[in-house]
Amino acid sequence: MNALAVSPDGAVVATTATITARTWEIATGIPDVTISGRHDSLNAVAFGPSGALLGIASTDKTATVWDVTAGVPVTTLAGHGSSVTAVAFAPDGALLATASADATARLWDAASGAHLATLVPLPSGGYITLLPDTRYKLGGDPGDCLWWAAGPCRLGPAEVSDRFPEVRRVPPGAAILPA
């Protein structure tokens, strides 16, 4: 087995083994739902706070949210550049976070699968948060790690806002997601 998670009510455990995920009733040890049909290895699993949804991370660069009762996929989260290594739901179940071997974390709307933000740590100790609407939030010194390419030009964070107003920097302390 590669990974496991216990449901919030403590009644079910979910496991992954290569290309199959399975839920088990803890009291009886009997398997309940089997999720298969994946072509790549499964790396991580997490229950949503209600126990009705299961997030599964895969080496195929995706994570999938499954309806545990029906054993059917709800949404597939695609966008990482490498294997997805971890998955976790927010306490209210509205957000799902994934981490990847591509050195990023992504935030997703758990119900719709919409990509909300990409979180990137920088070697200098700073960070950048990239939003799908072209906004970004920068913390610390990006050093020589952050550049935008515009034709034959290479622009740093201070230069890009002047030339491309659609690429907007979010002020420090400002929220990146709606409340």
C-alpha atoms as a PDB file:
ATOM      1  CA  MET A   1       0.000   0.000   0.000  1.00  0.00           C
ATOM      2  CA  ASN A   2       1.163   3.500  -0.853  1.00  0.00           C
ATOM      3  CA  ALA A   3      -1.059   5.687   1.315  1.00  0.00           C
ATOM      4  CA  LEU A   4      -4.020   5.660   3.686  1.00  0.00           C
ATOM      5  CA  ALA A   5      -6.478   8.004   5.358  1.00  0.00           C
ATOM      6  CA  VAL A   6      -9.139   7.551   8.026  1.00  0.00           C
ATOM      7  CA  SER A   7     -12.577   9.102   7.491  1.00  0.00           C
ATOM      8  CA  PRO A   8     -13.553  12.000   9.774  1.00  0.00           C
ATOM      9  CA  ASP A   9     -16.046   9.810  11.656  1.00  0.00           C
ATOM     10  CA  GLY A  10     -13.433   7.068  12.151  1.00  0.00           C
ATOM     11  CA  ALA A  11     -15.599   4.394  10.512  1.00  0.00           C
ATOM     12  CA  VAL A  12     -13.756   3.975   7.203  1.00  0.00           C
ATOM     13  CA  VAL A  13     -10.150   3.771   6.065  1.00  0.00           C
ATOM     14  CA  ALA A  14      -9.113   4.485   2.473  1.00  0.00           C
ATOM     15  CA  THR A  15      -5.987   2.902   1.015  1.00  0.00           C
ATOM     16  CA  THR A  16      -4.093   3.132  -2.248  1.00  0.00           C
ATOM     17  CA  ALA A  17      -2.095   0.315  -3.778  1.00  0.00           C
ATOM     18  CA  THR A  18      -0.420   1.018  -7.118  1.00  0.00           C
ATOM     19  CA  ILE A  19      -3.411   1.755  -9.407  1.00  0.00           C
ATOM     20  CA  THR A  20      -6.320   0.964  -7.066  1.00  0.00           C
ATOM     21  CA  ALA A  21      -7.878   2.838  -4.164  1.00  0.00           C
ATOM     22  CA  ARG A  22     -10.209   1.060  -1.784  1.00  0.00           C
ATOM     23  CA  THR A  23     -12.334   1.962   1.228  1.00  0.00           C
ATOM     24  CA  TRP A  24     -12.684  -0.456   4.123  1.00  0.00           C
ATOM     25  CA  GLU A  25     -15.155  -0.565   7.011  1.00  0.00           C
ATOM     26  CA  ILE A  26     -12.930  -0.372  10.075  1.00  0.00           C
ATOM     27  CA  ALA A  27     -15.304  -2.266  12.391  1.00  0.00           C
ATOM     28  CA  THR A  28     -15.527  -5.315  10.116  1.00  0.00           C
ATOM     29  CA  GLY A  29     -12.392  -5.064   7.969  1.00  0.00           C
ATOM     30  CA  ILE A  30     -14.546  -5.598   4.896  1.00  0.00           C
ATOM     31  CA  PRO A  31     -13.691  -3.698   1.715  1.00  0.00           C
ATOM     32  CA  ASP A  32     -16.486  -1.377   0.643  1.00  0.00           C
ATOM     33  CA  VAL A  33     -15.735   0.637  -2.535  1.00  0.00           C
ATOM     34  CA  THR A  34     -12.963  -0.117  -5.024  1.00  0.00           C
ATOM     35  CA  ILE A  35     -11.775   2.687  -7.288  1.00  0.00           C
ATOM     36  CA  SER A  36      -9.729   1.466 -10.227  1.00  0.00           C
ATOM     37  CA  GLY A  37      -9.170   2.092 -13.884  1.00  0.00           C
ATOM     38  CA  ARG A  38      -6.242   4.445 -13.369  1.00  0.00           C
ATOM     39  CA  HIS A  39      -3.201   3.859 -15.535  1.00  0.00           C
ATOM     40  CA  ASP A  40      -0.666   5.444 -13.197  1.00  0.00           C
ATOM     41  CA  SER A  41       0.378   4.858  -9.625  1.00  0.00           C
ATOM     42  CA  LEU A  42      -1.609   6.508  -6.819  1.00  0.00           C
ATOM     43  CA  ASN A  43       0.490   8.468  -4.309  1.00  0.00           C
ATOM     44  CA  ALA A  44      -1.824   9.906  -1.653  1.00  0.00           C
ATOM     45  CA  VAL A  45      -5.406   9.897  -0.439  1.00  0.00           C
ATOM     46  CA  ALA A  46      -7.487  12.210   1.800  1.00  0.00           C
ATOM     47  CA  PHE A  47     -11.104  12.317   2.935  1.00  0.00           C
ATOM     48  CA  GLY A  48     -13.136  15.498   2.730  1.00  0.00           C
ATOM     49  CA  PRO A  49     -14.495  16.701   6.078  1.00  0.00           C
ATOM     50  CA  SER A  50     -17.922  15.089   5.547  1.00  0.00           C
ATOM     51  CA  GLY A  51     -16.369  11.760   4.566  1.00  0.00           C
ATOM     52  CA  ALA A  52     -18.376  11.743   1.317  1.00  0.00           C
ATOM     53  CA  LEU A  53     -15.487  12.833  -0.923  1.00  0.00           C
ATOM     54  CA  LEU A  54     -12.056  11.302  -1.380  1.00  0.00           C
ATOM     55  CA  GLY A  55      -9.114  13.097  -2.990  1.00  0.00           C
ATOM     56  CA  ILE A  56      -6.570  10.855  -4.709  1.00  0.00           C
ATOM     57  CA  ALA A  57      -3.147  12.027  -5.971  1.00  0.00           C
ATOM     58  CA  SER A  58      -1.520  10.282  -8.929  1.00  0.00           C
ATOM     59  CA  THR A  59       1.760  10.070 -10.800  1.00  0.00           C
ATOM     60  CA  ASP A  60      -0.127  11.070 -13.983  1.00  0.00           C
ATOM     61  CA  LYS A  61       0.130  14.746 -12.844  1.00  0.00           C
ATOM     62  CA  THR A  62      -3.503  14.851 -11.657  1.00  0.00           C
ATOM     63  CA  ALA A  63      -5.591  14.470  -8.537  1.00  0.00           C
ATOM     64  CA  THR A  64      -9.151  13.200  -8.691  1.00  0.00           C
ATOM     65  CA  VAL A  65     -12.041  13.872  -6.310  1.00  0.00           C
ATOM     66  CA  TRP A  66     -14.287  10.808  -5.946  1.00  0.00           C
ATOM     67  CA  ASP A  67     -17.751  10.331  -4.480  1.00  0.00           C
ATOM     68  CA  VAL A  68     -17.009   7.599  -1.920  1.00  0.00           C
ATOM     69  CA  THR A  69     -20.542   6.198  -1.766  1.00  0.00           C
ATOM     70  CA  ALA A  70     -21.057   5.879  -5.511  1.00  0.00           C
ATOM     71  CA  GLY A  71     -17.420   5.165  -6.347  1.00  0.00           C
ATOM     72  CA  VAL A  72     -17.499   7.652  -9.243  1.00  0.00           C
ATOM     73  CA  PRO A  73     -15.223  10.594 -10.054  1.00  0.00           C
ATOM     74  CA  VAL A  74     -16.581  14.072  -9.296  1.00  0.00           C
ATOM     75  CA  THR A  75     -13.767  16.075 -10.901  1.00  0.00           C
ATOM     76  CA  THR A  76     -10.184  15.695 -12.091  1.00  0.00           C
ATOM     77  CA  LEU A  77      -7.642  18.362 -11.159  1.00  0.00           C
ATOM     78  CA  ALA A  78      -5.031  18.767 -13.895  1.00  0.00           C
ATOM     79  CA  GLY A  79      -2.255  21.316 -14.229  1.00  0.00           C
ATOM     80  CA  HIS A  80       0.806  20.147 -12.320  1.00  0.00           C
ATOM     81  CA  GLY A  81       3.947  19.562 -14.349  1.00  0.00           C
ATOM     82  CA  SER A  82       4.925  16.376 -12.545  1.00  0.00           C
ATOM     83  CA  SER A  83       3.585  13.663 -10.254  1.00  0.00           C
ATOM     84  CA  VAL A  84       1.056  14.825  -7.629  1.00  0.00           C
ATOM     85  CA  THR A  85       2.451  13.683  -4.283  1.00  0.00           C
ATOM     86  CA  ALA A  86      -0.039  14.957  -1.691  1.00  0.00           C
ATOM     87  CA  VAL A  87      -3.676  15.989  -1.395  1.00  0.00           C
ATOM     88  CA  ALA A  88      -5.610  17.646   1.461  1.00  0.00           C
ATOM     89  CA  PHE A  89      -9.065  19.181   1.950  1.00  0.00           C
ATOM     90  CA  ALA A  90      -9.661  22.431   3.833  1.00  0.00           C
ATOM     91  CA  PRO A  91     -11.658  21.943   7.055  1.00  0.00           C
ATOM     92  CA  ASP A  92     -14.830  23.308   5.416  1.00  0.00           C
ATOM     93  CA  GLY A  93     -14.373  21.078   2.339  1.00  0.00           C
ATOM     94  CA  ALA A  94     -14.553  23.979  -0.121  1.00  0.00           C
ATOM     95  CA  LEU A  95     -10.868  23.909  -1.081  1.00  0.00           C
ATOM     96  CA  LEU A  96      -8.535  21.110  -2.010  1.00  0.00           C
ATOM     97  CA  ALA A  97      -4.760  21.548  -1.962  1.00  0.00           C
ATOM     98  CA  THR A  98      -2.316  19.444  -3.955  1.00  0.00           C
ATOM     99  CA  ALA A  99       1.480  19.260  -3.880  1.00  0.00           C
ATOM    100  CA  SER A 100       3.647  18.017  -6.698  1.00  0.00           C
ATOM    101  CA  ALA A 101       7.139  16.902  -7.589  1.00  0.00           C
ATOM    102  CA  ASP A 102       7.156  20.019  -9.813  1.00  0.00           C
ATOM    103  CA  ALA A 103       7.908  21.976  -6.573  1.00  0.00           C
ATOM    104  CA  THR A 104       4.515  23.717  -6.489  1.00  0.00           C
ATOM    105  CA  ALA A 105       1.322  23.484  -4.506  1.00  0.00           C
ATOM    106  CA  ARG A 106      -2.042  24.305  -6.067  1.00  0.00           C
ATOM    107  CA  LEU A 107      -5.363  25.344  -4.575  1.00  0.00           C
ATOM    108  CA  TRP A 108      -8.579  24.115  -6.204  1.00  0.00           C
ATOM    109  CA  ASP A 109     -12.321  24.538  -5.751  1.00  0.00           C
ATOM    110  CA  ALA A 110     -13.207  21.048  -4.493  1.00  0.00           C
ATOM    111  CA  ALA A 111     -16.683  20.988  -6.078  1.00  0.00           C
ATOM    112  CA  SER A 112     -15.964  22.410  -9.532  1.00  0.00           C
ATOM    113  CA  GLY A 113     -12.285  21.572  -9.910  1.00  0.00           C
ATOM    114  CA  ALA A 114     -11.476  25.189 -10.803  1.00  0.00           C
ATOM    115  CA  HIS A 115      -7.817  26.087 -10.333  1.00  0.00           C
ATOM    116  CA  LEU A 116      -7.611  28.955  -7.815  1.00  0.00           C
ATOM    117  CA  ALA A 117      -3.888  29.529  -7.228  1.00  0.00           C
ATOM    118  CA  THR A 118      -0.386  28.100  -7.646  1.00  0.00           C
ATOM    119  CA  LEU A 119       1.997  28.481  -4.721  1.00  0.00           C
ATOM    120  CA  VAL A 120       5.712  28.501  -5.559  1.00  0.00           C
ATOM    121  CA  PRO A 121       8.493  28.715  -2.964  1.00  0.00           C
ATOM    122  CA  LEU A 122      11.609  30.543  -4.176  1.00  0.00           C
ATOM    123  CA  PRO A 123      15.194  29.483  -3.366  1.00  0.00           C
ATOM    124  CA  SER A 124      15.806  32.864  -1.697  1.00  0.00           C
ATOM    125  CA  GLY A 125      13.197  32.031   0.950  1.00  0.00           C
ATOM    126  CA  GLY A 126      10.523  34.163  -0.679  1.00  0.00           C
ATOM    127  CA  TYR A 127       7.457  33.006  -2.557  1.00  0.00           C
ATOM    128  CA  ILE A 128       5.213  33.792  -5.467  1.00  0.00           C
ATOM    129  CA  THR A 129       1.520  33.017  -5.727  1.00  0.00           C
ATOM    130  CA  LEU A 130       0.243  32.854  -9.305  1.00  0.00           C
ATOM    131  CA  LEU A 131      -3.466  33.340  -9.980  1.00  0.00           C
ATOM    132  CA  PRO A 132      -5.215  32.163 -13.169  1.00  0.00           C
ATOM    133  CA  ASP A 133      -6.439  35.706 -13.935  1.00  0.00           C
ATOM    134  CA  THR A 134      -2.789  36.927 -14.370  1.00  0.00           C
ATOM    135  CA  ARG A 135      -2.513  38.449 -10.891  1.00  0.00           C
ATOM    136  CA  TYR A 136       0.428  37.452  -8.731  1.00  0.00           C
ATOM    137  CA  LYS A 137       1.621  37.984  -5.189  1.00  0.00           C
ATOM    138  CA  LEU A 138       5.315  38.162  -4.434  1.00  0.00           C
ATOM    139  CA  GLY A 139       6.955  37.898  -1.042  1.00  0.00           C
ATOM    140  CA  GLY A 140      10.622  38.306  -0.294  1.00  0.00           C
ATOM    141  CA  ASP A 141      13.342  38.766  -2.873  1.00  0.00           C
ATOM    142  CA  PRO A 142      12.825  36.658  -5.996  1.00  0.00           C
ATOM    143  CA  GLY A 143      16.503  37.021  -6.875  1.00  0.00           C
ATOM    144  CA  ASP A 144      17.034  35.910 -10.453  1.00  0.00           C
ATOM    145  CA  CYS A 145      14.241  33.302 -10.279  1.00  0.00           C
ATOM    146  CA  LEU A 146      11.254  35.256 -11.530  1.00  0.00           C
ATOM    147  CA  TRP A 147      11.016  36.660 -15.035  1.00  0.00           C
ATOM    148  CA  TRP A 148       8.322  37.191 -17.620  1.00  0.00           C
ATOM    149  CA  ALA A 149       9.191  36.639 -21.260  1.00  0.00           C
ATOM    150  CA  ALA A 150       7.633  39.132 -23.668  1.00  0.00           C
ATOM    151  CA  GLY A 151       8.863  38.503 -27.166  1.00  0.00           C
ATOM    152  CA  PRO A 152      12.641  38.887 -27.108  1.00  0.00           C
ATOM    153  CA  CYS A 153      12.538  40.790 -23.781  1.00  0.00           C
ATOM    154  CA  ARG A 154      13.018  39.427 -20.294  1.00  0.00           C
ATOM    155  CA  LEU A 155      11.212  41.481 -17.649  1.00  0.00           C
ATOM    156  CA  GLY A 156      11.559  41.425 -13.878  1.00  0.00           C
ATOM    157  CA  PRO A 157       8.631  41.917 -11.469  1.00  0.00           C
ATOM    158  CA  ALA A 158       9.144  45.688 -11.235  1.00  0.00           C
ATOM    159  CA  GLU A 159       9.120  46.084 -15.041  1.00  0.00           C
ATOM    160  CA  VAL A 160       6.221  43.851 -15.984  1.00  0.00           C
ATOM    161  CA  SER A 161       3.451  45.935 -14.354  1.00  0.00           C
ATOM    162  CA  ASP A 162       4.371  49.046 -16.303  1.00  0.00           C
ATOM    163  CA  ARG A 163       4.384  47.314 -19.679  1.00  0.00           C
ATOM    164  CA  PHE A 164       1.562  44.828 -19.138  1.00  0.00           C
ATOM    165  CA  PRO A 165      -1.206  46.228 -16.919  1.00  0.00           C
ATOM    166  CA  GLU A 166      -3.141  42.949 -17.187  1.00  0.00           C
ATOM    167  CA  VAL A 167      -0.384  41.303 -15.137  1.00  0.00           C
ATOM    168  CA  ARG A 168      -1.242  42.772 -11.752  1.00  0.00           C
ATOM    169  CA  ARG A 169       0.669  42.399  -8.514  1.00  0.00           C
ATOM    170  CA  VAL A 170      -1.516  41.751  -5.476  1.00  0.00           C
ATOM    171  CA  PRO A 171      -0.455  43.978  -2.570  1.00  0.00           C
ATOM    172  CA  PRO A 172       1.181  42.311   0.451  1.00  0.00           C
ATOM    173  CA  GLY A 173      -1.450  41.364   3.013  1.00  0.00           C
ATOM    174  CA  ALA A 174      -4.288  41.330   0.457  1.00  0.00           C
ATOM    175  CA  ALA A 175      -6.395  38.210   0.131  1.00  0.00           C
ATOM    176  CA  ILE A 176      -5.893  36.092  -2.986  1.00  0.00           C
ATOM    177  CA  LEU A 177      -9.137  34.151  -2.711  1.00  0.00           C
ATOM    178  CA  PRO A 178     -12.680  35.442  -2.128  1.00  0.00           C
ATOM    179  CA  ALA A 179     -13.873  35.193   1.470  1.00  0.00           C
END
